[in-house]
N, C-alpha and C. Protein backbone atom coordinates (compact mmCIF):
# COMPACT_ATOMS: atom_id res chain seq x y z
N MET A 1 47.38 9.89 18.18
CA MET A 1 47.15 8.87 19.16
C MET A 1 48.50 8.40 19.67
N LEU A 2 48.63 8.27 20.97
CA LEU A 2 49.86 7.81 21.58
C LEU A 2 49.65 6.42 22.14
N HIS A 3 50.67 5.59 22.06
CA HIS A 3 50.59 4.23 22.56
C HIS A 3 51.62 4.00 23.63
N LEU A 4 51.38 3.01 24.45
CA LEU A 4 52.24 2.69 25.57
C LEU A 4 52.98 1.39 25.32
N TYR A 5 54.26 1.41 25.58
CA TYR A 5 55.06 0.19 25.61
C TYR A 5 55.76 0.20 26.95
N TRP A 6 55.19 -0.50 27.91
CA TRP A 6 55.68 -0.46 29.28
C TRP A 6 55.67 -1.87 29.83
N PRO A 7 56.83 -2.42 30.15
CA PRO A 7 56.83 -3.79 30.67
C PRO A 7 56.18 -3.83 32.05
N SER A 8 55.35 -4.80 32.26
CA SER A 8 54.66 -4.92 33.54
C SER A 8 55.58 -5.58 34.57
N THR A 9 55.63 -4.99 35.75
CA THR A 9 56.42 -5.58 36.83
C THR A 9 55.52 -6.19 37.89
N ALA A 10 54.23 -5.90 37.80
CA ALA A 10 53.28 -6.45 38.77
C ALA A 10 52.92 -7.87 38.37
N THR A 11 52.59 -8.69 39.37
CA THR A 11 52.14 -10.03 39.07
C THR A 11 50.67 -9.95 38.73
N ASP A 12 50.30 -10.49 37.60
CA ASP A 12 48.93 -10.44 37.13
C ASP A 12 48.18 -11.67 37.57
N ASP A 13 46.90 -11.51 37.82
CA ASP A 13 46.01 -12.62 38.13
C ASP A 13 45.93 -13.49 36.88
N ALA A 14 45.96 -14.79 37.04
CA ALA A 14 45.95 -15.71 35.90
C ALA A 14 44.69 -15.55 35.05
N ALA A 15 43.59 -15.09 35.66
CA ALA A 15 42.34 -14.95 34.93
C ALA A 15 42.29 -13.68 34.09
N SER A 16 43.12 -12.68 34.43
CA SER A 16 43.06 -11.43 33.68
C SER A 16 44.01 -11.48 32.49
N PRO A 17 43.54 -10.99 31.32
CA PRO A 17 44.42 -11.00 30.14
C PRO A 17 45.53 -9.98 30.31
N PRO A 18 46.67 -10.21 29.65
CA PRO A 18 47.77 -9.24 29.73
C PRO A 18 47.37 -7.92 29.09
N ALA A 19 47.92 -6.82 29.62
CA ALA A 19 47.64 -5.49 29.06
C ALA A 19 48.26 -5.39 27.67
N PRO A 20 47.52 -4.79 26.71
CA PRO A 20 48.10 -4.64 25.37
C PRO A 20 49.25 -3.65 25.39
N VAL A 21 50.29 -3.95 24.64
CA VAL A 21 51.44 -3.06 24.54
C VAL A 21 51.74 -2.81 23.08
N SER A 22 52.42 -1.70 22.82
CA SER A 22 52.81 -1.37 21.46
C SER A 22 54.28 -0.98 21.48
N PRO A 23 55.05 -1.37 20.48
CA PRO A 23 56.48 -1.04 20.48
C PRO A 23 56.77 0.37 19.97
N LEU A 24 55.74 1.22 19.84
CA LEU A 24 56.00 2.55 19.29
C LEU A 24 55.04 3.58 19.85
N VAL A 25 55.43 4.85 19.66
CA VAL A 25 54.57 5.99 19.97
C VAL A 25 54.43 6.79 18.69
N HIS A 26 53.21 7.14 18.34
CA HIS A 26 52.96 8.02 17.20
C HIS A 26 52.77 9.42 17.77
N TRP A 27 53.61 10.37 17.34
CA TRP A 27 53.54 11.75 17.83
C TRP A 27 53.43 12.70 16.66
N LYS A 28 52.50 13.65 16.79
CA LYS A 28 52.26 14.57 15.70
C LYS A 28 51.97 15.96 16.25
N ASP A 29 52.55 16.97 15.60
CA ASP A 29 52.21 18.36 15.87
C ASP A 29 52.13 19.08 14.52
N ALA A 30 52.09 20.40 14.52
CA ALA A 30 51.93 21.14 13.27
C ALA A 30 53.05 20.89 12.26
N GLY A 31 54.27 20.60 12.73
CA GLY A 31 55.39 20.43 11.81
C GLY A 31 56.01 19.06 11.78
N HIS A 32 55.46 18.11 12.55
CA HIS A 32 56.07 16.78 12.65
C HIS A 32 54.98 15.71 12.64
N ASP A 33 55.31 14.58 12.05
CA ASP A 33 54.48 13.38 12.12
C ASP A 33 55.44 12.22 12.25
N TRP A 34 55.65 11.79 13.48
CA TRP A 34 56.72 10.83 13.80
C TRP A 34 56.19 9.52 14.36
N LEU A 35 56.93 8.47 14.08
CA LEU A 35 56.81 7.20 14.79
C LEU A 35 58.09 7.05 15.60
N LEU A 36 57.95 6.92 16.91
CA LEU A 36 59.09 6.76 17.81
C LEU A 36 59.10 5.29 18.24
N VAL A 37 60.18 4.60 17.93
CA VAL A 37 60.26 3.15 18.13
C VAL A 37 61.50 2.81 18.95
N VAL A 38 61.34 1.91 19.92
CA VAL A 38 62.48 1.44 20.70
C VAL A 38 63.17 0.32 19.94
N ASP A 39 64.48 0.48 19.71
CA ASP A 39 65.30 -0.57 19.12
C ASP A 39 65.80 -1.43 20.28
N GLN A 40 65.20 -2.59 20.45
CA GLN A 40 65.53 -3.46 21.58
C GLN A 40 66.97 -3.97 21.54
N ALA A 41 67.56 -4.06 20.36
CA ALA A 41 68.93 -4.56 20.24
C ALA A 41 69.96 -3.55 20.75
N THR A 42 69.71 -2.26 20.52
CA THR A 42 70.68 -1.24 20.91
C THR A 42 70.23 -0.38 22.08
N HIS A 43 68.99 -0.57 22.53
CA HIS A 43 68.41 0.23 23.63
C HIS A 43 68.39 1.71 23.27
N GLU A 44 68.07 1.99 22.00
CA GLU A 44 67.97 3.36 21.52
C GLU A 44 66.55 3.62 21.04
N LEU A 45 66.23 4.90 20.96
CA LEU A 45 64.98 5.34 20.38
C LEU A 45 65.26 5.72 18.93
N VAL A 46 64.46 5.19 18.01
CA VAL A 46 64.61 5.53 16.60
C VAL A 46 63.38 6.32 16.18
N VAL A 47 63.62 7.47 15.55
CA VAL A 47 62.54 8.34 15.09
C VAL A 47 62.40 8.16 13.59
N TYR A 48 61.17 7.84 13.16
CA TYR A 48 60.86 7.67 11.74
C TYR A 48 59.83 8.70 11.31
N ASP A 49 59.92 9.13 10.07
CA ASP A 49 58.88 9.96 9.48
C ASP A 49 57.66 9.07 9.27
N ALA A 50 56.52 9.43 9.86
CA ALA A 50 55.33 8.59 9.77
C ALA A 50 54.72 8.59 8.37
N ASN A 51 55.06 9.57 7.55
CA ASN A 51 54.49 9.63 6.20
C ASN A 51 55.20 8.72 5.21
N ASP A 52 56.54 8.66 5.28
CA ASP A 52 57.27 7.86 4.29
C ASP A 52 58.16 6.77 4.90
N GLY A 53 58.23 6.69 6.22
CA GLY A 53 58.97 5.62 6.88
C GLY A 53 60.47 5.80 6.97
N ARG A 54 61.00 6.94 6.49
CA ARG A 54 62.46 7.10 6.53
C ARG A 54 62.91 7.42 7.95
N PRO A 55 64.04 6.84 8.36
CA PRO A 55 64.58 7.13 9.69
C PRO A 55 65.11 8.57 9.74
N LEU A 56 64.81 9.27 10.84
CA LEU A 56 65.23 10.65 10.99
C LEU A 56 66.38 10.81 11.99
N GLN A 57 66.33 10.06 13.09
CA GLN A 57 67.41 10.15 14.07
C GLN A 57 67.32 9.02 15.07
N ARG A 58 68.44 8.81 15.79
CA ARG A 58 68.53 7.82 16.86
C ARG A 58 68.89 8.55 18.13
N VAL A 59 68.26 8.15 19.23
CA VAL A 59 68.51 8.77 20.53
C VAL A 59 68.82 7.65 21.51
N GLY A 60 69.91 7.83 22.26
CA GLY A 60 70.28 6.82 23.25
C GLY A 60 71.45 7.30 24.08
N THR A 61 72.26 6.37 24.52
CA THR A 61 73.38 6.67 25.40
C THR A 61 74.35 7.66 24.78
N VAL A 62 74.65 7.51 23.50
CA VAL A 62 75.59 8.40 22.84
C VAL A 62 75.10 9.84 22.84
N SER A 63 73.79 10.04 22.72
CA SER A 63 73.23 11.40 22.68
C SER A 63 72.90 11.94 24.07
N GLY A 64 73.22 11.19 25.12
CA GLY A 64 73.00 11.66 26.49
C GLY A 64 71.69 11.24 27.11
N ALA A 65 70.88 10.48 26.40
CA ALA A 65 69.58 10.09 26.95
C ALA A 65 69.67 8.82 27.79
N GLY A 66 70.70 8.02 27.64
CA GLY A 66 70.80 6.77 28.37
C GLY A 66 70.09 5.65 27.63
N PRO A 67 70.22 4.43 28.13
CA PRO A 67 69.58 3.29 27.47
C PRO A 67 68.05 3.40 27.58
N ILE A 68 67.34 2.93 26.55
CA ILE A 68 65.88 3.01 26.51
C ILE A 68 65.32 1.63 26.18
N ASP A 69 64.40 1.15 27.02
CA ASP A 69 63.73 -0.12 26.78
C ASP A 69 62.24 0.03 26.53
N SER A 70 61.63 1.07 27.08
CA SER A 70 60.20 1.28 26.89
C SER A 70 59.90 2.78 26.87
N ILE A 71 58.82 3.14 26.18
CA ILE A 71 58.46 4.55 26.05
C ILE A 71 56.96 4.74 26.23
N PHE A 72 56.62 5.96 26.62
CA PHE A 72 55.23 6.37 26.76
C PHE A 72 55.16 7.85 26.39
N GLY A 73 54.22 8.23 25.56
CA GLY A 73 54.09 9.63 25.15
C GLY A 73 52.93 10.31 25.83
N GLU A 74 53.15 11.55 26.23
CA GLU A 74 52.10 12.36 26.84
C GLU A 74 52.32 13.81 26.43
N GLY A 75 51.48 14.30 25.53
CA GLY A 75 51.63 15.67 25.04
C GLY A 75 52.98 15.85 24.36
N ASN A 76 53.74 16.84 24.81
CA ASN A 76 55.07 17.11 24.24
C ASN A 76 56.18 16.48 25.08
N TRP A 77 55.86 15.41 25.77
CA TRP A 77 56.85 14.70 26.59
C TRP A 77 56.88 13.24 26.19
N LEU A 78 58.07 12.68 26.20
CA LEU A 78 58.25 11.25 25.99
C LEU A 78 58.92 10.71 27.24
N ILE A 79 58.28 9.76 27.89
CA ILE A 79 58.82 9.15 29.10
C ILE A 79 59.47 7.83 28.69
N ALA A 80 60.73 7.66 29.08
CA ALA A 80 61.49 6.46 28.71
C ALA A 80 62.01 5.77 29.95
N THR A 81 61.99 4.46 29.95
CA THR A 81 62.54 3.68 31.05
C THR A 81 63.50 2.64 30.50
N SER A 82 64.31 2.11 31.39
CA SER A 82 65.26 1.07 31.03
C SER A 82 65.47 0.15 32.20
N GLN A 83 65.64 -1.12 31.92
CA GLN A 83 65.96 -2.08 32.98
C GLN A 83 67.40 -1.90 33.44
N GLN A 84 68.25 -1.28 32.59
CA GLN A 84 69.66 -1.06 32.92
C GLN A 84 69.88 0.22 33.72
N HIS A 85 68.91 1.13 33.66
CA HIS A 85 69.05 2.45 34.27
C HIS A 85 67.87 2.64 35.23
N PRO A 86 68.10 2.89 36.51
CA PRO A 86 67.01 2.91 37.48
C PRO A 86 66.08 4.12 37.41
N LEU A 87 66.48 5.18 36.73
CA LEU A 87 65.68 6.40 36.71
C LEU A 87 64.82 6.49 35.46
N VAL A 88 63.64 7.08 35.61
CA VAL A 88 62.78 7.38 34.47
C VAL A 88 63.35 8.60 33.77
N GLN A 89 63.43 8.56 32.47
CA GLN A 89 63.92 9.69 31.68
C GLN A 89 62.74 10.39 31.02
N VAL A 90 62.78 11.72 31.01
CA VAL A 90 61.77 12.50 30.32
C VAL A 90 62.47 13.26 29.20
N LEU A 91 61.96 13.11 27.99
CA LEU A 91 62.51 13.80 26.82
C LEU A 91 61.47 14.76 26.29
N SER A 92 61.90 15.96 25.92
CA SER A 92 60.97 16.93 25.34
C SER A 92 60.80 16.63 23.86
N LEU A 93 59.60 16.88 23.36
CA LEU A 93 59.31 16.72 21.95
C LEU A 93 59.02 18.09 21.36
N PRO A 94 59.53 18.44 20.20
CA PRO A 94 60.21 17.60 19.23
C PRO A 94 61.72 17.54 19.40
N GLY A 95 62.31 18.23 20.35
CA GLY A 95 63.77 18.28 20.47
C GLY A 95 64.43 17.00 20.91
N LEU A 96 63.67 16.13 21.59
CA LEU A 96 64.18 14.86 22.13
C LEU A 96 65.39 15.08 23.03
N GLN A 97 65.36 16.16 23.79
CA GLN A 97 66.42 16.47 24.75
C GLN A 97 65.98 16.01 26.13
N PRO A 98 66.91 15.42 26.91
CA PRO A 98 66.55 15.04 28.28
C PRO A 98 66.15 16.27 29.09
N VAL A 99 65.13 16.12 29.90
CA VAL A 99 64.58 17.20 30.71
C VAL A 99 64.83 16.87 32.17
N THR A 100 65.32 17.85 32.92
CA THR A 100 65.47 17.70 34.36
C THR A 100 64.24 18.29 35.02
N LEU A 101 63.54 17.49 35.81
CA LEU A 101 62.34 17.95 36.47
C LEU A 101 62.73 18.58 37.81
N ALA A 102 62.17 19.74 38.10
CA ALA A 102 62.47 20.44 39.35
C ALA A 102 61.69 19.82 40.48
N ALA A 103 62.34 19.68 41.63
CA ALA A 103 61.67 19.17 42.82
C ALA A 103 60.93 20.32 43.50
N ARG A 104 59.81 20.01 44.08
CA ARG A 104 59.02 21.03 44.79
C ARG A 104 59.35 21.01 46.25
């Protein structure tokens, strides 16, 4: 199951409840069971083993991904956004490498 952590920029009607958000994405395939969590203090993505909770790696500006404030998982892709960086970043899973999307 994948969860969304995406800050809303639209103005919501006062009568409608806020959309539920989660600070993590749970991603699993045949060889991985990960919790991907945004560290709000450092604007990095932290990958944890979902079975035992141990941290596996950090992804952010130092690794070439840029600052990360929110994430969304879809299949083998992780979409990351930042208020500091105007572009949406796409990272491949499980490699967590930035992906350049080809224009049509």
